[in-house]
Amino acid sequence: MDERLSFEIKRKIIHSFSVVYILIYYYVAKYFSHKTALLCLLFIFILLLFIEFVKIRYRKKIPLFEPIYREKEKYRISGSVYLVLGVIITFSVFDFEIAVVSLLMMIFGDMAATLVGMSLGKHWTRNIPGVAWEGIIAEFIVDVLVGFLFLKNAIAILAMALTATFIEAVLNSTDDNLAVPALSGFAGQSVLIFLKLFRLI
């Protein structure tokens, strides 16, 4: 197996454990309150910021994180910080179902795009280096499937899937962990508000 692909598989497997943040929010909000759940996520965010500060300021290797850092993340803020920030923003602003879908699109859509693109990619986009159409299509399909697990409105699902796929393809950096859930969530929530406003749902 290609070394880069092997590295990305390990990284995406660990990335998939980000669903824990959704579970933390859900159970803390259920048994305590929405505010308490957000405070728990904020505590995790602050802890990760501290780890990043130690890594960058003192050039320290972080045992659990070091093996999955990309080269550009070793002495810069990593995607894990942007991810938790994205979780906090989505649960603060959007309906619960919209927030969950936007986060799952970020986690599993990204996984599909990277792994399919790297292993099966043959048709590469002209203007976006390192992005294959196979990966883009795989992400869109996964995003749509994720959407139908939690949402009933096909228009909102398509709006979110298109937004997530576009941002993932164009941005292609660590801060897509923030941009994908924030912007796809915004797209889905806006569609639902528009449809309700005109009494279409």
Protein backbone atom coordinates (compact mmCIF):
# COMPACT_ATOMS: atom_id res chain seq x y z
CA MET A 1 0.00 0.00 0.00
CA ASP A 2 1.18 3.51 -0.82
CA GLU A 3 2.77 5.22 2.21
CA ARG A 4 0.70 8.39 1.80
CA LEU A 5 -2.52 6.38 1.57
CA SER A 6 -1.57 4.34 4.63
CA PHE A 7 -0.92 7.55 6.57
CA GLU A 8 -4.27 9.04 5.50
CA ILE A 9 -6.15 5.87 6.48
CA LYS A 10 -4.69 6.08 10.00
CA ARG A 11 -5.49 9.78 10.14
CA LYS A 12 -9.08 9.34 8.96
CA ILE A 13 -9.73 6.46 11.38
CA ILE A 14 -8.70 8.73 14.25
CA HIS A 15 -10.64 11.59 12.66
CA SER A 16 -13.79 9.43 12.70
CA PHE A 17 -13.64 9.33 16.51
CA SER A 18 -14.71 12.98 16.37
CA VAL A 19 -18.27 11.65 16.60
CA VAL A 20 -17.49 11.55 20.34
CA TYR A 21 -17.95 15.33 20.40
CA ILE A 22 -21.50 14.89 19.10
CA LEU A 23 -22.20 12.28 21.77
CA ILE A 24 -20.74 14.52 24.49
CA TYR A 25 -23.01 17.36 23.46
CA TYR A 26 -26.07 15.13 23.12
CA TYR A 27 -25.84 13.41 26.50
CA VAL A 28 -24.71 16.44 28.51
CA ALA A 29 -27.47 18.58 26.95
CA LYS A 30 -30.01 15.82 27.56
CA TYR A 31 -29.21 15.25 31.23
CA PHE A 32 -28.02 18.76 32.16
CA SER A 33 -28.46 21.65 29.73
CA HIS A 34 -27.48 23.10 26.36
CA LYS A 35 -25.20 25.63 28.07
CA THR A 36 -23.45 22.95 30.14
CA ALA A 37 -22.85 20.88 27.00
CA LEU A 38 -21.29 23.88 25.26
CA LEU A 39 -19.12 24.55 28.31
CA CYS A 40 -17.84 20.95 28.16
CA LEU A 41 -16.93 21.41 24.50
CA LEU A 42 -15.33 24.76 25.30
CA PHE A 43 -13.19 23.06 27.97
CA ILE A 44 -11.97 20.56 25.36
CA PHE A 45 -11.26 23.45 22.98
CA ILE A 46 -9.19 25.27 25.64
CA LEU A 47 -7.30 22.06 26.45
CA LEU A 48 -6.45 21.54 22.77
CA LEU A 49 -5.35 25.16 22.48
CA PHE A 50 -2.99 24.62 25.41
CA ILE A 51 -1.55 21.53 23.74
CA GLU A 52 -1.07 23.48 20.51
CA PHE A 53 0.61 26.31 22.42
CA VAL A 54 3.11 23.89 23.97
CA LYS A 55 3.74 22.27 20.59
CA ILE A 56 4.33 25.55 18.75
CA ARG A 57 5.99 27.64 21.45
CA TYR A 58 8.36 24.99 22.80
CA ARG A 59 8.64 22.80 19.70
CA LYS A 60 7.46 19.78 21.65
CA LYS A 61 6.25 16.54 20.12
CA ILE A 62 2.81 15.54 21.38
CA PRO A 63 2.83 11.73 21.84
CA LEU A 64 -0.79 10.93 20.89
CA PHE A 65 -1.05 13.49 18.10
CA GLU A 66 2.42 13.51 16.52
CA PRO A 67 1.96 10.36 14.37
CA ILE A 68 -1.07 11.83 12.57
CA TYR A 69 0.15 15.39 12.05
CA ARG A 70 0.74 16.41 8.48
CA GLU A 71 4.05 18.16 7.91
CA LYS A 72 2.42 21.62 7.85
CA GLU A 73 0.64 20.93 11.17
CA LYS A 74 3.72 20.01 13.20
CA TYR A 75 4.47 23.59 14.24
CA ARG A 76 1.17 25.26 13.38
CA ILE A 77 -2.36 24.99 14.73
CA SER A 78 -3.70 21.58 13.72
CA GLY A 79 -7.09 20.59 12.37
CA SER A 80 -8.27 19.26 15.75
CA VAL A 81 -8.63 22.81 17.10
CA TYR A 82 -10.65 23.98 14.10
CA LEU A 83 -12.77 20.84 14.39
CA VAL A 84 -13.82 21.46 18.01
CA LEU A 85 -14.46 25.13 17.19
CA GLY A 86 -16.70 23.96 14.35
CA VAL A 87 -18.57 21.67 16.76
CA ILE A 88 -19.13 24.52 19.22
CA ILE A 89 -20.35 26.91 16.52
CA THR A 90 -22.75 24.44 14.90
CA PHE A 91 -24.39 23.41 18.18
CA SER A 92 -24.59 27.05 19.26
CA VAL A 93 -26.26 28.34 16.11
CA PHE A 94 -28.11 25.59 14.25
CA ASP A 95 -30.94 23.15 14.99
CA PHE A 96 -29.64 19.92 16.52
CA GLU A 97 -30.31 17.82 13.40
CA ILE A 98 -28.66 20.38 11.11
CA ALA A 99 -25.63 20.56 13.41
CA VAL A 100 -25.26 16.77 13.53
CA VAL A 101 -25.56 16.39 9.75
CA SER A 102 -23.05 19.18 9.07
CA LEU A 103 -20.53 17.58 11.45
CA LEU A 104 -21.01 14.08 10.05
CA MET A 105 -20.55 15.47 6.54
CA MET A 106 -17.29 17.02 7.69
CA ILE A 107 -16.10 13.74 9.26
CA PHE A 108 -17.26 11.08 6.81
CA GLY A 109 -17.50 13.16 3.64
CA ASP A 110 -13.89 14.23 4.10
CA MET A 111 -12.90 10.60 4.72
CA ALA A 112 -14.61 9.44 1.52
CA ALA A 113 -13.10 12.25 -0.56
CA THR A 114 -9.56 11.61 0.64
CA LEU A 115 -9.50 7.81 0.58
CA VAL A 116 -11.41 7.37 -2.67
CA GLY A 117 -9.53 10.20 -4.34
CA MET A 118 -6.13 8.83 -3.34
CA SER A 119 -6.85 5.16 -4.05
CA LEU A 120 -9.09 5.38 -7.12
CA GLY A 121 -8.51 8.88 -8.45
CA LYS A 122 -7.75 9.00 -12.18
CA HIS A 123 -9.49 12.18 -13.29
CA TRP A 124 -7.86 15.17 -11.59
CA THR A 125 -9.34 18.65 -11.51
CA ARG A 126 -7.49 21.26 -13.52
CA ASN A 127 -7.64 24.20 -11.13
CA ILE A 128 -7.44 22.43 -7.74
CA PRO A 129 -4.15 20.55 -7.25
CA GLY A 130 -4.38 17.07 -5.75
CA VAL A 131 -8.17 16.76 -6.01
CA ALA A 132 -9.74 13.97 -8.06
CA TRP A 133 -13.28 13.92 -9.41
CA GLU A 134 -13.70 10.42 -7.97
CA GLY A 135 -13.09 11.84 -4.50
CA ILE A 136 -15.48 14.73 -5.06
CA ILE A 137 -18.26 12.40 -6.23
CA ALA A 138 -17.63 10.00 -3.34
CA GLU A 139 -17.91 12.83 -0.84
CA PHE A 140 -21.13 14.12 -2.34
CA ILE A 141 -22.73 10.65 -2.24
CA VAL A 142 -21.67 10.10 1.39
CA ASP A 143 -22.89 13.58 2.37
CA VAL A 144 -26.31 12.94 0.81
CA LEU A 145 -26.61 9.56 2.56
CA VAL A 146 -25.64 11.14 5.89
CA GLY A 147 -28.25 13.86 5.31
CA PHE A 148 -31.08 11.39 4.76
CA LEU A 149 -30.24 9.64 8.04
CA PHE A 150 -31.23 12.69 10.08
CA LEU A 151 -33.16 15.10 7.87
CA LYS A 152 -36.39 14.71 5.90
CA ASN A 153 -36.06 17.72 3.63
CA ALA A 154 -34.30 16.78 0.38
CA ILE A 155 -33.66 20.42 -0.61
CA ALA A 156 -31.84 21.14 2.66
CA ILE A 157 -29.85 17.92 2.32
CA LEU A 158 -28.76 18.74 -1.24
CA ALA A 159 -27.85 22.30 -0.25
CA MET A 160 -25.72 21.02 2.62
CA ALA A 161 -24.09 18.25 0.56
CA LEU A 162 -23.23 20.60 -2.31
CA THR A 163 -21.81 23.19 0.09
CA ALA A 164 -19.77 20.65 2.05
CA THR A 165 -18.41 19.04 -1.13
CA PHE A 166 -17.51 22.38 -2.70
CA ILE A 167 -15.76 23.71 0.42
CA GLU A 168 -13.88 20.45 0.97
CA ALA A 169 -12.64 20.43 -2.62
CA VAL A 170 -11.70 24.10 -2.84
CA LEU A 171 -10.30 24.70 0.64
CA ASN A 172 -8.37 21.43 1.03
CA SER A 173 -6.64 22.50 4.27
CA THR A 174 -6.84 21.98 8.06
CA ASP A 175 -9.39 24.75 8.60
CA ASP A 176 -11.96 22.92 6.46
CA ASN A 177 -12.83 21.25 9.78
CA LEU A 178 -14.38 24.60 10.70
CA ALA A 179 -15.53 25.83 7.30
CA VAL A 180 -17.40 22.68 6.22
CA PRO A 181 -19.74 22.34 9.23
CA ALA A 182 -20.22 26.10 9.59
CA LEU A 183 -21.06 26.77 5.95
CA SER A 184 -22.98 23.56 5.21
CA GLY A 185 -24.95 24.09 8.43
CA PHE A 186 -25.67 27.66 7.38
CA ALA A 187 -26.88 26.44 3.98
CA GLY A 188 -29.19 23.82 5.47
CA GLN A 189 -30.59 26.08 8.17
CA SER A 190 -31.17 28.91 5.68
CA VAL A 191 -33.06 26.59 3.33
CA LEU A 192 -35.34 25.41 6.16
CA ILE A 193 -36.00 28.99 7.30
CA PHE A 194 -36.79 30.06 3.72
CA LEU A 195 -39.15 27.12 3.16
CA LYS A 196 -40.94 27.75 6.47
CA LEU A 197 -41.17 31.46 5.74
CA PHE A 198 -43.05 30.77 2.51
CA ARG A 199 -44.97 27.89 4.12
CA LEU A 200 -43.50 25.33 1.74
CA ILE A 201 -42.96 22.86 4.59
